[in-house]
C-alpha cells in the first residue's frame, strides 16, 4: 500500500505563487510516475502535470509556462511550483502515483482571489 499526503495549499492573490508538496509512504518502490490533478466545484477532475520515474514531464496546456513539476526520490516526494496564478486555478489539487496500482492523496485547497 502507498499513502500520499499533500500540503502547501492556501489563499493567494492573482499573480501570486504557491508550492505544493506530496510525500509518499508505504510500498514506495512500486511507484513509477507521479502527478497532479485538480477539481473545481461542479467540474470534473482534470490533469495538471506529471513526472515519470525517468524524469520526463508533461503538462496540461493551462499549466505550461507557469507551473513546474519536480520530484525528490530520496524523500519520496513530488512538488508543483505554481507561479502567475489565476482565479481559474482555484480548485482542490490531488497528488497521484502510478505503479502496480493507482494511488491518490486526499487533496489540498488552492484559492486564487483578490
C-alpha atoms as a PDB file:
ATOM      1  CA  UNK A   1       0.000   0.000   0.000  1.00  0.00           C
ATOM      2  CA  UNK A   2       1.040   3.588  -0.703  1.00  0.00           C
ATOM      3  CA  UNK A   3      -0.150   6.658   1.166  1.00  0.00           C
ATOM      4  CA  UNK A   4       0.088  10.153  -0.334  1.00  0.00           C
ATOM      5  CA  UNK A   5      -0.128  13.332   1.758  1.00  0.00           C
ATOM      6  CA  UNK A   6      -0.389  16.749   0.085  1.00  0.00           C
ATOM      7  CA  UNK A   7       0.405  20.122   1.639  1.00  0.00           C
ATOM      8  CA  UNK A   8       1.056  23.726   0.624  1.00  0.00           C
ATOM      9  CA  UNK A   9      -2.372  24.893  -0.473  1.00  0.00           C
ATOM     10  CA  UNK A  10      -3.892  28.169   0.631  1.00  0.00           C
ATOM     11  CA  UNK A  11      -5.299  31.545  -0.383  1.00  0.00           C
ATOM     12  CA  UNK A  12      -3.252  33.742  -2.734  1.00  0.00           C
ATOM     13  CA  UNK A  13      -3.893  36.822  -4.860  1.00  0.00           C
ATOM     14  CA  UNK A  14      -3.888  36.678  -8.666  1.00  0.00           C
ATOM     15  CA  UNK A  15      -0.301  36.718  -9.890  1.00  0.00           C
ATOM     16  CA  UNK A  16       0.973  35.077  -6.725  1.00  0.00           C
ATOM     17  CA  UNK A  17       2.749  31.761  -6.213  1.00  0.00           C
ATOM     18  CA  UNK A  18       2.335  28.548  -4.251  1.00  0.00           C
ATOM     19  CA  UNK A  19       4.417  25.392  -3.939  1.00  0.00           C
ATOM     20  CA  UNK A  20       2.509  22.152  -3.376  1.00  0.00           C
ATOM     21  CA  UNK A  21       4.177  19.091  -1.864  1.00  0.00           C
ATOM     22  CA  UNK A  22       3.206  15.428  -1.859  1.00  0.00           C
ATOM     23  CA  UNK A  23       5.049  12.846   0.226  1.00  0.00           C
ATOM     24  CA  UNK A  24       4.593   9.114  -0.344  1.00  0.00           C
ATOM     25  CA  UNK A  25       4.972   6.395   2.254  1.00  0.00           C
ATOM     26  CA  UNK A  26       4.468   2.652   2.363  1.00  0.00           C
ATOM     27  CA  UNK A  27       5.434   0.487  -0.612  1.00  0.00           C
ATOM     28  CA  UNK A  28       7.175   3.346  -2.423  1.00  0.00           C
ATOM     29  CA  UNK A  29       9.260   1.024  -4.614  1.00  0.00           C
ATOM     30  CA  UNK A  30       6.100   0.239  -6.568  1.00  0.00           C
ATOM     31  CA  UNK A  31       5.744   3.874  -7.729  1.00  0.00           C
ATOM     32  CA  UNK A  32       6.813   4.890 -11.223  1.00  0.00           C
ATOM     33  CA  UNK A  33       5.047   8.070 -12.357  1.00  0.00           C
ATOM     34  CA  UNK A  34       3.711  10.810 -10.082  1.00  0.00           C
ATOM     35  CA  UNK A  35       1.474  13.700 -10.987  1.00  0.00           C
ATOM     36  CA  UNK A  36      -1.034  16.371 -10.055  1.00  0.00           C
ATOM     37  CA  UNK A  37      -4.723  16.743 -10.887  1.00  0.00           C
ATOM     38  CA  UNK A  38      -7.260  19.371  -9.862  1.00  0.00           C
ATOM     39  CA  UNK A  39     -11.011  19.620  -9.460  1.00  0.00           C
ATOM     40  CA  UNK A  40     -13.040  22.828  -9.258  1.00  0.00           C
ATOM     41  CA  UNK A  41     -16.589  22.880  -7.831  1.00  0.00           C
ATOM     42  CA  UNK A  42     -19.084  21.413 -10.293  1.00  0.00           C
ATOM     43  CA  UNK A  43     -16.361  20.273 -12.715  1.00  0.00           C
ATOM     44  CA  UNK A  44     -14.569  17.021 -13.480  1.00  0.00           C
ATOM     45  CA  UNK A  45     -11.115  16.204 -12.169  1.00  0.00           C
ATOM     46  CA  UNK A  46      -8.522  17.377 -14.719  1.00  0.00           C
ATOM     47  CA  UNK A  47      -4.895  16.515 -15.366  1.00  0.00           C
ATOM     48  CA  UNK A  48      -2.345  19.214 -14.499  1.00  0.00           C
ATOM     49  CA  UNK A  49       1.173  17.723 -14.712  1.00  0.00           C
ATOM     50  CA  UNK A  50       3.168  14.501 -14.372  1.00  0.00           C
ATOM     51  CA  UNK A  51       6.755  13.368 -13.992  1.00  0.00           C
ATOM     52  CA  UNK A  52       7.921   9.849 -14.832  1.00  0.00           C
ATOM     53  CA  UNK A  53      10.405   7.741 -12.925  1.00  0.00           C
ATOM     54  CA  UNK A  54      12.986   8.722 -15.534  1.00  0.00           C
ATOM     55  CA  UNK A  55      12.273  12.435 -15.096  1.00  0.00           C
ATOM     56  CA  UNK A  56      10.193  13.080 -18.217  1.00  0.00           C
ATOM     57  CA  UNK A  57       7.486  15.704 -17.652  1.00  0.00           C
ATOM     58  CA  UNK A  58       4.165  16.545 -19.234  1.00  0.00           C
ATOM     59  CA  UNK A  59       1.821  19.480 -18.605  1.00  0.00           C
ATOM     60  CA  UNK A  60      -1.722  20.492 -19.362  1.00  0.00           C
ATOM     61  CA  UNK A  61      -1.920  23.488 -21.686  1.00  0.00           C
ATOM     62  CA  UNK A  62      -3.305  25.571 -18.834  1.00  0.00           C
ATOM     63  CA  UNK A  63      -0.164  24.861 -16.785  1.00  0.00           C
ATOM     64  CA  UNK A  64       2.566  25.266 -19.403  1.00  0.00           C
ATOM     65  CA  UNK A  65       4.868  28.200 -18.756  1.00  0.00           C
ATOM     66  CA  UNK A  66       3.504  28.798 -15.253  1.00  0.00           C
ATOM     67  CA  UNK A  67       3.781  25.506 -13.347  1.00  0.00           C
ATOM     68  CA  UNK A  68       6.813  23.273 -12.784  1.00  0.00           C
ATOM     69  CA  UNK A  69       6.668  19.695 -11.523  1.00  0.00           C
ATOM     70  CA  UNK A  70       9.666  18.070  -9.858  1.00  0.00           C
ATOM     71  CA  UNK A  71      10.454  15.114  -7.623  1.00  0.00           C
ATOM     72  CA  UNK A  72      12.918  14.099  -4.940  1.00  0.00           C
ATOM     73  CA  UNK A  73      13.200  10.327  -4.903  1.00  0.00           C
ATOM     74  CA  UNK A  74      15.299  10.352  -1.726  1.00  0.00           C
ATOM     75  CA  UNK A  75      12.342  11.958   0.048  1.00  0.00           C
ATOM     76  CA  UNK A  76       9.675  10.062  -1.939  1.00  0.00           C
ATOM     77  CA  UNK A  77       8.173  13.432  -2.777  1.00  0.00           C
ATOM     78  CA  UNK A  78       6.751  15.299  -5.746  1.00  0.00           C
ATOM     79  CA  UNK A  79       6.268  19.069  -5.947  1.00  0.00           C
ATOM     80  CA  UNK A  80       4.282  21.544  -8.022  1.00  0.00           C
ATOM     81  CA  UNK A  81       5.607  25.100  -8.187  1.00  0.00           C
ATOM     82  CA  UNK A  82       2.761  27.348  -9.329  1.00  0.00           C
ATOM     83  CA  UNK A  83       3.522  30.890 -10.484  1.00  0.00           C
ATOM     84  CA  UNK A  84       1.403  33.642 -12.042  1.00  0.00           C
ATOM     85  CA  UNK A  85      -1.709  32.140 -10.504  1.00  0.00           C
ATOM     86  CA  UNK A  86      -5.111  32.993 -11.953  1.00  0.00           C
ATOM     87  CA  UNK A  87      -8.616  32.792 -10.434  1.00  0.00           C
ATOM     88  CA  UNK A  88      -9.362  29.859 -12.755  1.00  0.00           C
ATOM     89  CA  UNK A  89      -6.613  27.890 -10.980  1.00  0.00           C
ATOM     90  CA  UNK A  90      -8.868  27.708  -7.916  1.00  0.00           C
ATOM     91  CA  UNK A  91      -9.504  24.023  -7.171  1.00  0.00           C
ATOM     92  CA  UNK A  92      -8.689  21.119  -4.916  1.00  0.00           C
ATOM     93  CA  UNK A  93      -5.328  19.743  -6.058  1.00  0.00           C
ATOM     94  CA  UNK A  94      -4.717  15.991  -5.808  1.00  0.00           C
ATOM     95  CA  UNK A  95      -1.478  14.040  -5.897  1.00  0.00           C
ATOM     96  CA  UNK A  96      -1.465  10.766  -7.867  1.00  0.00           C
ATOM     97  CA  UNK A  97       1.062   7.936  -8.073  1.00  0.00           C
ATOM     98  CA  UNK A  98       1.182   5.216 -10.717  1.00  0.00           C
ATOM     99  CA  UNK A  99       2.837   1.824 -10.457  1.00  0.00           C
ATOM    100  CA  UNK A 100       1.435  -1.612  -9.978  1.00  0.00           C
ATOM    101  CA  UNK A 101      -1.649   0.200  -8.688  1.00  0.00           C
ATOM    102  CA  UNK A 102      -3.114   3.712  -8.744  1.00  0.00           C
ATOM    103  CA  UNK A 103      -2.948   5.863  -5.606  1.00  0.00           C
ATOM    104  CA  UNK A 104      -4.458   9.245  -4.734  1.00  0.00           C
ATOM    105  CA  UNK A 105      -3.899  11.756  -1.954  1.00  0.00           C
ATOM    106  CA  UNK A 106      -6.656  13.497  -0.007  1.00  0.00           C
ATOM    107  CA  UNK A 107      -6.294  16.832  -1.810  1.00  0.00           C
ATOM    108  CA  UNK A 108      -5.289  20.352  -0.802  1.00  0.00           C
ATOM    109  CA  UNK A 109      -7.329  23.503  -1.482  1.00  0.00           C
ATOM    110  CA  UNK A 110      -5.899  26.291  -3.645  1.00  0.00           C
ATOM    111  CA  UNK A 111      -7.888  29.533  -3.820  1.00  0.00           C
ATOM    112  CA  UNK A 112      -6.801  32.430  -6.053  1.00  0.00           C
ATOM    113  CA  UNK A 113      -8.782  35.568  -5.254  1.00  0.00           C
ATOM    114  CA  UNK A 114      -8.457  39.278  -4.560  1.00  0.00           C
END
